[in-house]
C-alpha cells in the first residue's frame, strides 16, 4: 500500500510515469528493496523528489496535532539546539516508553528524521503540526528571545 502511494505521489510530481512505477513495484516483489532506492537506481529519480514524496506519504499516515493539547516534557528538548529546532521546525515533545514523540511539518519531515536519527537511538514517532503553531511553541519551549519569521 505505502509503496503504491509513494509511486502515485512521484507520478503526481512528474518524477515518474505510471509504467515506471509498475516496473519498480514488480522488481520490488523479488528484491524487497525500498521503492525509492529502486526508483533512483532504475530510472534516475532525483533523491530530493523521493524524499519529498516520502515525507508527503508519511505525513498522510502521521497523526496531525494541536500542540496546545499535547503533553510536553522538558527532557527531550536537550536533544537538539534551539537553532536546530527553529530552522528545522522540529519540536521534541516527550518520551512514551522508549519512543520519542516529535512534532514537525510535512515539508520538514525528511530533515527532521535525518537530524534526529543522528541524535538518538530511540524509536521516533512524528506528529504533524501547523507551521505557525509549531514556531510559536518552539519559541516558547526553547525560550527564544529573537527570531526571523519564516513567512510560512
N, C-alpha and C. Protein backbone atom coordinates (compact mmCIF):
# COMPACT_ATOMS: atom_id res chain seq x y z
N UNK A 1 0.82 -1.20 0.00
CA UNK A 1 0.00 0.00 0.00
C UNK A 1 0.86 1.26 0.00
N UNK A 2 1.83 1.34 0.93
CA UNK A 2 2.62 2.56 1.01
C UNK A 2 3.51 2.75 -0.21
N UNK A 3 4.01 1.65 -0.78
CA UNK A 3 4.84 1.78 -1.97
C UNK A 3 4.02 2.26 -3.16
N UNK A 4 2.77 1.84 -3.23
CA UNK A 4 1.89 2.35 -4.29
C UNK A 4 1.62 3.83 -4.09
N UNK A 5 1.48 4.27 -2.84
CA UNK A 5 1.23 5.68 -2.56
C UNK A 5 2.42 6.53 -2.94
N UNK A 6 3.62 6.11 -2.57
CA UNK A 6 4.80 6.90 -2.93
C UNK A 6 4.94 6.95 -4.45
N UNK A 7 4.63 5.85 -5.12
CA UNK A 7 4.65 5.85 -6.57
C UNK A 7 3.64 6.84 -7.15
N UNK A 8 2.45 6.85 -6.60
CA UNK A 8 1.41 7.78 -7.05
C UNK A 8 1.87 9.23 -6.84
N UNK A 9 2.48 9.50 -5.70
CA UNK A 9 2.96 10.85 -5.41
C UNK A 9 4.07 11.26 -6.36
N UNK A 10 4.94 10.33 -6.71
CA UNK A 10 6.02 10.64 -7.67
C UNK A 10 5.45 10.89 -9.07
N UNK A 11 4.40 10.17 -9.43
CA UNK A 11 3.72 10.43 -10.72
C UNK A 11 3.11 11.82 -10.69
N UNK A 12 2.43 12.17 -9.60
CA UNK A 12 1.82 13.50 -9.48
C UNK A 12 2.86 14.61 -9.56
N UNK A 13 4.06 14.35 -9.07
CA UNK A 13 5.14 15.33 -9.13
C UNK A 13 5.80 15.38 -10.51
N UNK A 14 5.46 14.43 -11.37
CA UNK A 14 6.07 14.38 -12.69
C UNK A 14 7.44 13.73 -12.70
N UNK A 15 7.80 13.08 -11.60
CA UNK A 15 9.11 12.45 -11.49
C UNK A 15 9.15 11.05 -12.09
N UNK A 16 7.96 10.41 -12.21
CA UNK A 16 7.88 9.07 -12.77
C UNK A 16 6.60 8.95 -13.58
N UNK A 17 6.57 7.93 -14.43
CA UNK A 17 5.35 7.59 -15.16
C UNK A 17 4.69 6.40 -14.47
N UNK A 18 3.43 6.16 -14.80
CA UNK A 18 2.73 5.01 -14.22
C UNK A 18 3.42 3.70 -14.58
N UNK A 19 3.90 3.60 -15.82
CA UNK A 19 4.57 2.35 -16.22
C UNK A 19 5.88 2.15 -15.46
N UNK A 20 6.59 3.24 -15.16
CA UNK A 20 7.81 3.12 -14.37
C UNK A 20 7.48 2.67 -12.94
N UNK A 21 6.42 3.22 -12.37
CA UNK A 21 6.00 2.81 -11.03
C UNK A 21 5.69 1.32 -11.02
N UNK A 22 4.97 0.87 -12.03
CA UNK A 22 4.61 -0.55 -12.11
C UNK A 22 5.86 -1.43 -12.22
N UNK A 23 6.84 -0.99 -13.00
CA UNK A 23 8.07 -1.76 -13.14
C UNK A 23 8.83 -1.83 -11.82
N UNK A 24 8.86 -0.71 -11.08
CA UNK A 24 9.52 -0.71 -9.77
C UNK A 24 8.80 -1.67 -8.83
N UNK A 25 7.47 -1.61 -8.81
CA UNK A 25 6.70 -2.50 -7.92
C UNK A 25 6.95 -3.97 -8.26
N UNK A 26 7.02 -4.29 -9.55
CA UNK A 26 7.29 -5.67 -9.96
C UNK A 26 8.68 -6.10 -9.51
N UNK A 27 9.67 -5.23 -9.70
CA UNK A 27 11.04 -5.55 -9.30
C UNK A 27 11.14 -5.66 -7.78
N UNK A 28 10.36 -4.86 -7.10
CA UNK A 28 10.40 -4.85 -5.64
C UNK A 28 9.90 -6.16 -5.03
N UNK A 29 8.97 -6.82 -5.72
CA UNK A 29 8.44 -8.09 -5.22
C UNK A 29 9.54 -9.12 -5.00
N UNK A 30 10.51 -9.15 -5.90
CA UNK A 30 11.59 -10.13 -5.77
C UNK A 30 12.78 -9.59 -4.98
N UNK A 31 13.03 -8.29 -5.05
CA UNK A 31 14.22 -7.75 -4.40
C UNK A 31 13.99 -7.30 -2.96
N UNK A 32 12.76 -6.90 -2.65
CA UNK A 32 12.40 -6.38 -1.32
C UNK A 32 13.18 -5.12 -0.95
N UNK A 33 13.74 -4.43 -1.95
CA UNK A 33 14.43 -3.17 -1.71
C UNK A 33 13.40 -2.04 -1.60
N UNK A 34 13.75 -0.95 -0.92
CA UNK A 34 12.82 0.17 -0.80
C UNK A 34 12.46 0.76 -2.17
N UNK A 35 11.22 1.20 -2.27
CA UNK A 35 10.72 1.76 -3.52
C UNK A 35 11.61 2.90 -4.01
N UNK A 36 11.94 3.83 -3.13
CA UNK A 36 12.75 4.98 -3.52
C UNK A 36 14.12 4.60 -4.05
N UNK A 37 14.75 3.63 -3.42
CA UNK A 37 16.07 3.17 -3.87
C UNK A 37 15.97 2.60 -5.28
N UNK A 38 14.95 1.78 -5.52
CA UNK A 38 14.77 1.20 -6.85
C UNK A 38 14.42 2.26 -7.89
N UNK A 39 13.57 3.22 -7.51
CA UNK A 39 13.19 4.28 -8.45
C UNK A 39 14.42 5.07 -8.87
N UNK A 40 15.30 5.33 -7.93
CA UNK A 40 16.53 6.06 -8.24
C UNK A 40 17.46 5.22 -9.12
N UNK A 41 17.67 3.96 -8.73
CA UNK A 41 18.58 3.10 -9.48
C UNK A 41 18.07 2.77 -10.87
N UNK A 42 16.78 2.49 -10.98
CA UNK A 42 16.23 2.04 -12.26
C UNK A 42 15.95 3.20 -13.23
N UNK A 43 15.51 4.35 -12.69
CA UNK A 43 15.05 5.43 -13.56
C UNK A 43 15.69 6.78 -13.26
N UNK A 44 16.64 6.81 -12.36
CA UNK A 44 17.35 8.05 -12.07
C UNK A 44 16.48 9.11 -11.41
N UNK A 45 15.45 8.68 -10.68
CA UNK A 45 14.59 9.64 -10.00
C UNK A 45 15.43 10.41 -8.97
N UNK A 46 15.30 11.71 -8.98
CA UNK A 46 16.06 12.59 -8.09
C UNK A 46 15.76 12.24 -6.63
N UNK A 47 16.80 12.03 -5.83
CA UNK A 47 16.60 11.70 -4.41
C UNK A 47 15.78 12.76 -3.67
N UNK A 48 15.86 14.03 -4.09
CA UNK A 48 15.05 15.07 -3.43
C UNK A 48 13.57 14.84 -3.71
N UNK A 49 13.23 14.42 -4.94
CA UNK A 49 11.83 14.12 -5.25
C UNK A 49 11.35 12.93 -4.41
N UNK A 50 12.22 11.94 -4.27
CA UNK A 50 11.88 10.77 -3.46
C UNK A 50 11.68 11.18 -2.00
N UNK A 51 12.57 12.01 -1.47
CA UNK A 51 12.46 12.45 -0.08
C UNK A 51 11.18 13.24 0.15
N UNK A 52 10.82 14.11 -0.77
CA UNK A 52 9.60 14.90 -0.61
C UNK A 52 8.36 14.02 -0.72
N UNK A 53 8.38 13.07 -1.64
CA UNK A 53 7.24 12.15 -1.76
C UNK A 53 7.14 11.27 -0.52
N UNK A 54 8.29 10.82 -0.01
CA UNK A 54 8.30 10.03 1.23
C UNK A 54 7.68 10.83 2.37
N UNK A 55 8.09 12.12 2.49
CA UNK A 55 7.57 12.96 3.57
C UNK A 55 6.07 13.16 3.43
N UNK A 56 5.62 13.38 2.21
CA UNK A 56 4.19 13.55 1.99
C UNK A 56 3.44 12.27 2.35
N UNK A 57 4.02 11.13 1.99
CA UNK A 57 3.40 9.84 2.32
C UNK A 57 3.35 9.64 3.84
N UNK A 58 4.45 9.89 4.50
CA UNK A 58 4.49 9.74 5.96
C UNK A 58 3.51 10.72 6.60
N UNK A 59 3.48 11.94 6.10
CA UNK A 59 2.56 12.94 6.61
C UNK A 59 1.11 12.52 6.48
N UNK A 60 0.83 11.77 5.44
CA UNK A 60 -0.53 11.26 5.23
C UNK A 60 -0.93 10.30 6.35
N UNK A 61 0.02 9.50 6.81
CA UNK A 61 -0.25 8.50 7.83
C UNK A 61 -0.02 9.01 9.25
N UNK A 62 0.75 10.10 9.40
CA UNK A 62 1.04 10.63 10.72
C UNK A 62 -0.18 11.30 11.33
N UNK A 63 -0.20 11.29 12.64
CA UNK A 63 -1.22 12.00 13.38
C UNK A 63 -0.97 13.49 13.24
N UNK A 64 -2.02 14.25 12.96
CA UNK A 64 -1.93 15.71 12.92
C UNK A 64 -2.43 16.20 14.27
N UNK A 65 -1.68 17.12 14.89
CA UNK A 65 -1.96 17.50 16.27
C UNK A 65 -2.14 19.01 16.44
N UNK A 66 -2.84 19.34 17.49
CA UNK A 66 -2.91 20.70 18.01
C UNK A 66 -1.95 20.71 19.19
N UNK A 67 -0.87 21.46 19.08
CA UNK A 67 0.17 21.43 20.12
C UNK A 67 -0.35 21.92 21.48
N UNK A 68 -1.41 22.69 21.47
CA UNK A 68 -1.99 23.14 22.74
C UNK A 68 -2.56 21.96 23.54
N UNK A 69 -2.84 20.87 22.87
CA UNK A 69 -3.41 19.69 23.52
C UNK A 69 -2.38 18.59 23.77
N UNK A 70 -1.15 18.82 23.41
CA UNK A 70 -0.11 17.81 23.53
C UNK A 70 0.62 17.92 24.87
N UNK A 71 0.92 16.77 25.46
CA UNK A 71 1.71 16.71 26.69
C UNK A 71 3.18 16.91 26.33
N UNK A 72 3.85 17.79 27.04
CA UNK A 72 5.26 18.10 26.79
C UNK A 72 6.11 17.72 27.98
N UNK A 73 7.35 17.33 27.70
CA UNK A 73 8.36 17.10 28.73
C UNK A 73 9.57 17.96 28.37
N UNK A 74 10.30 18.41 29.34
CA UNK A 74 11.48 19.22 29.04
C UNK A 74 12.69 18.36 28.67
N UNK A 75 12.71 17.12 29.09
CA UNK A 75 13.86 16.23 28.87
C UNK A 75 14.29 16.13 27.40
N UNK A 76 13.37 15.85 26.45
CA UNK A 76 13.84 15.67 25.07
C UNK A 76 14.29 16.94 24.37
N UNK A 77 14.01 18.11 24.93
CA UNK A 77 14.43 19.35 24.31
C UNK A 77 15.95 19.43 24.16
N UNK A 78 16.68 18.80 25.06
CA UNK A 78 18.14 18.85 25.05
C UNK A 78 18.76 18.09 23.87
N UNK A 79 17.96 17.30 23.17
CA UNK A 79 18.49 16.54 22.03
C UNK A 79 19.00 17.44 20.91
N UNK A 80 18.34 18.58 20.74
CA UNK A 80 18.75 19.50 19.67
C UNK A 80 18.82 20.92 20.24
N UNK A 81 19.57 21.75 19.55
CA UNK A 81 19.70 23.14 19.99
C UNK A 81 18.46 23.93 19.58
N UNK A 82 18.30 25.09 20.17
CA UNK A 82 17.20 25.98 19.81
C UNK A 82 17.29 26.35 18.33
N UNK A 83 18.48 26.57 17.85
CA UNK A 83 18.68 26.93 16.42
C UNK A 83 18.24 25.77 15.52
N UNK A 84 18.61 24.54 15.87
CA UNK A 84 18.19 23.38 15.07
C UNK A 84 16.68 23.23 15.11
N UNK A 85 16.09 23.45 16.28
CA UNK A 85 14.64 23.35 16.40
C UNK A 85 13.96 24.39 15.51
N UNK A 86 14.46 25.62 15.57
CA UNK A 86 13.84 26.71 14.81
C UNK A 86 14.02 26.52 13.30
N UNK A 87 15.25 26.31 12.88
CA UNK A 87 15.49 26.23 11.43
C UNK A 87 14.92 24.95 10.83
N UNK A 88 14.85 23.88 11.61
CA UNK A 88 14.33 22.62 11.10
C UNK A 88 12.86 22.37 11.37
N UNK A 89 12.22 23.30 12.10
CA UNK A 89 10.82 23.10 12.51
C UNK A 89 10.65 21.73 13.19
N UNK A 90 11.43 21.54 14.25
CA UNK A 90 11.45 20.28 14.98
C UNK A 90 11.21 20.57 16.46
N UNK A 91 10.23 19.91 17.05
CA UNK A 91 9.97 20.10 18.48
C UNK A 91 9.81 18.74 19.15
N UNK A 92 10.87 18.26 19.83
CA UNK A 92 10.73 17.03 20.62
C UNK A 92 9.72 17.27 21.74
N UNK A 93 8.69 16.46 21.80
CA UNK A 93 7.61 16.68 22.77
C UNK A 93 7.77 15.88 24.05
N UNK A 94 8.01 14.58 23.89
CA UNK A 94 8.03 13.73 25.08
C UNK A 94 8.53 12.33 24.70
N UNK A 95 8.84 11.57 25.74
CA UNK A 95 9.11 10.15 25.58
C UNK A 95 7.87 9.40 26.03
N UNK A 96 7.52 8.40 25.27
CA UNK A 96 6.47 7.46 25.65
C UNK A 96 7.14 6.10 25.67
N UNK A 97 7.61 5.69 26.85
CA UNK A 97 8.42 4.49 26.94
C UNK A 97 9.74 4.74 26.24
N UNK A 98 10.08 3.88 25.28
CA UNK A 98 11.32 4.03 24.52
C UNK A 98 11.12 4.85 23.25
N UNK A 99 9.93 5.38 23.04
CA UNK A 99 9.60 6.11 21.81
C UNK A 99 9.65 7.61 22.06
N UNK A 100 10.30 8.34 21.16
CA UNK A 100 10.36 9.79 21.22
C UNK A 100 9.29 10.36 20.30
N UNK A 101 8.42 11.21 20.83
CA UNK A 101 7.37 11.84 20.04
C UNK A 101 7.86 13.24 19.67
N UNK A 102 7.84 13.53 18.35
CA UNK A 102 8.40 14.78 17.83
C UNK A 102 7.40 15.43 16.89
N UNK A 103 7.19 16.73 17.08
CA UNK A 103 6.33 17.49 16.17
C UNK A 103 7.19 18.14 15.09
N UNK A 104 6.68 18.14 13.87
CA UNK A 104 7.33 18.82 12.75
C UNK A 104 6.25 19.10 11.71
N UNK A 105 6.66 19.54 10.54
CA UNK A 105 5.73 19.73 9.43
C UNK A 105 6.02 18.68 8.36
N UNK A 106 5.09 18.47 7.47
CA UNK A 106 5.31 17.50 6.39
C UNK A 106 6.53 17.91 5.57
N UNK A 107 6.65 19.19 5.28
CA UNK A 107 7.77 19.70 4.47
C UNK A 107 9.11 19.45 5.14
N UNK A 108 9.16 19.59 6.44
CA UNK A 108 10.43 19.47 7.18
C UNK A 108 10.73 18.05 7.66
N UNK A 109 9.84 17.13 7.39
CA UNK A 109 9.97 15.77 7.89
C UNK A 109 11.27 15.07 7.48
N UNK A 110 11.69 15.13 6.21
CA UNK A 110 12.95 14.42 5.87
C UNK A 110 14.15 14.92 6.66
N UNK A 111 14.28 16.23 6.79
CA UNK A 111 15.42 16.79 7.51
C UNK A 111 15.30 16.49 9.01
N UNK A 112 14.08 16.53 9.54
CA UNK A 112 13.88 16.22 10.96
C UNK A 112 14.29 14.78 11.25
N UNK A 113 13.88 13.88 10.38
CA UNK A 113 14.22 12.46 10.55
C UNK A 113 15.73 12.27 10.47
N UNK A 114 16.37 12.92 9.51
CA UNK A 114 17.82 12.78 9.33
C UNK A 114 18.57 13.31 10.55
N UNK A 115 18.18 14.48 11.05
CA UNK A 115 18.86 15.06 12.20
C UNK A 115 18.66 14.21 13.46
N UNK A 116 17.43 13.85 13.74
CA UNK A 116 17.15 13.13 14.98
C UNK A 116 17.71 11.71 14.97
N UNK A 117 17.82 11.10 13.80
CA UNK A 117 18.40 9.76 13.75
C UNK A 117 19.88 9.79 14.14
N UNK A 118 20.52 10.95 13.99
CA UNK A 118 21.91 11.12 14.42
C UNK A 118 22.01 11.42 15.91
N UNK A 119 20.94 11.92 16.49
CA UNK A 119 20.96 12.39 17.88
C UNK A 119 20.48 11.37 18.89
N UNK A 120 19.71 10.37 18.45
CA UNK A 120 19.13 9.42 19.41
C UNK A 120 18.96 8.05 18.77
N UNK A 121 19.02 7.04 19.63
CA UNK A 121 18.74 5.67 19.18
C UNK A 121 17.28 5.31 19.44
N UNK A 122 16.54 6.23 20.05
CA UNK A 122 15.14 5.96 20.37
C UNK A 122 14.32 5.84 19.07
N UNK A 123 13.29 5.03 19.15
CA UNK A 123 12.31 4.97 18.06
C UNK A 123 11.63 6.34 18.02
N UNK A 124 11.46 6.91 16.84
CA UNK A 124 10.88 8.24 16.72
C UNK A 124 9.50 8.14 16.08
N UNK A 125 8.53 8.77 16.72
CA UNK A 125 7.19 8.87 16.14
C UNK A 125 6.93 10.34 15.88
N UNK A 126 6.75 10.66 14.61
CA UNK A 126 6.49 12.04 14.23
C UNK A 126 5.00 12.33 14.26
N UNK A 127 4.67 13.53 14.72
CA UNK A 127 3.32 14.05 14.60
C UNK A 127 3.45 15.36 13.82
N UNK A 128 2.40 15.69 13.10
CA UNK A 128 2.43 16.85 12.21
C UNK A 128 1.68 18.01 12.84
N UNK A 129 2.31 19.17 12.85
CA UNK A 129 1.71 20.38 13.41
C UNK A 129 1.68 21.47 12.34
N UNK A 130 0.79 22.44 12.53
CA UNK A 130 0.73 23.60 11.65
C UNK A 130 1.99 24.45 11.87
N UNK A 131 2.56 24.96 10.81
CA UNK A 131 3.84 25.67 10.87
C UNK A 131 3.84 26.81 11.88
N UNK A 132 2.85 27.67 11.82
CA UNK A 132 2.84 28.83 12.73
C UNK A 132 2.74 28.41 14.19
N UNK A 133 1.90 27.43 14.47
CA UNK A 133 1.78 26.96 15.85
C UNK A 133 3.08 26.31 16.30
N UNK A 134 3.71 25.55 15.42
CA UNK A 134 4.97 24.90 15.75
C UNK A 134 6.03 25.95 16.07
N UNK A 135 6.12 26.99 15.27
CA UNK A 135 7.08 28.06 15.53
C UNK A 135 6.82 28.72 16.88
N UNK A 136 5.56 28.97 17.18
CA UNK A 136 5.18 29.57 18.46
C UNK A 136 5.65 28.71 19.63
N UNK A 137 5.43 27.40 19.52
CA UNK A 137 5.82 26.50 20.61
C UNK A 137 7.32 26.31 20.70
N UNK A 138 8.02 26.34 19.58
CA UNK A 138 9.49 26.26 19.62
C UNK A 138 10.03 27.49 20.34
N UNK A 139 9.52 28.68 20.01
CA UNK A 139 9.95 29.91 20.69
C UNK A 139 9.70 29.80 22.19
N UNK A 140 8.52 29.34 22.54
CA UNK A 140 8.15 29.23 23.96
C UNK A 140 8.97 28.18 24.70
N UNK A 141 9.07 26.98 24.13
CA UNK A 141 9.73 25.87 24.83
C UNK A 141 11.24 26.08 24.93
N UNK A 142 11.85 26.65 23.88
CA UNK A 142 13.29 26.88 23.91
C UNK A 142 13.64 28.26 24.44
N UNK A 143 12.63 29.03 24.80
CA UNK A 143 12.81 30.38 25.34
C UNK A 143 13.66 31.24 24.42
N UNK A 144 13.29 31.25 23.15
CA UNK A 144 13.99 32.03 22.14
C UNK A 144 13.51 33.48 22.25
N UNK A 145 14.46 34.39 22.32
CA UNK A 145 14.13 35.80 22.51
C UNK A 145 13.88 36.49 21.18
N UNK A 146 14.70 36.23 20.18
CA UNK A 146 14.57 36.94 18.90
C UNK A 146 14.77 35.95 17.76
N UNK A 147 13.82 35.98 16.81
CA UNK A 147 13.91 35.08 15.66
C UNK A 147 13.48 35.81 14.41
N UNK A 148 13.92 35.29 13.26
CA UNK A 148 13.41 35.77 11.98
C UNK A 148 12.28 34.87 11.58
N UNK A 149 11.13 35.43 11.29
CA UNK A 149 9.97 34.64 10.88
C UNK A 149 10.22 34.06 9.50
N UNK A 150 9.71 32.83 9.30
CA UNK A 150 9.89 32.15 8.00
C UNK A 150 8.90 32.65 6.97
N UNK A 151 7.79 33.22 7.40
CA UNK A 151 6.80 33.73 6.47
C UNK A 151 5.87 32.66 5.95
N UNK A 152 5.95 31.44 6.51
CA UNK A 152 5.06 30.38 6.06
C UNK A 152 3.91 30.18 6.99
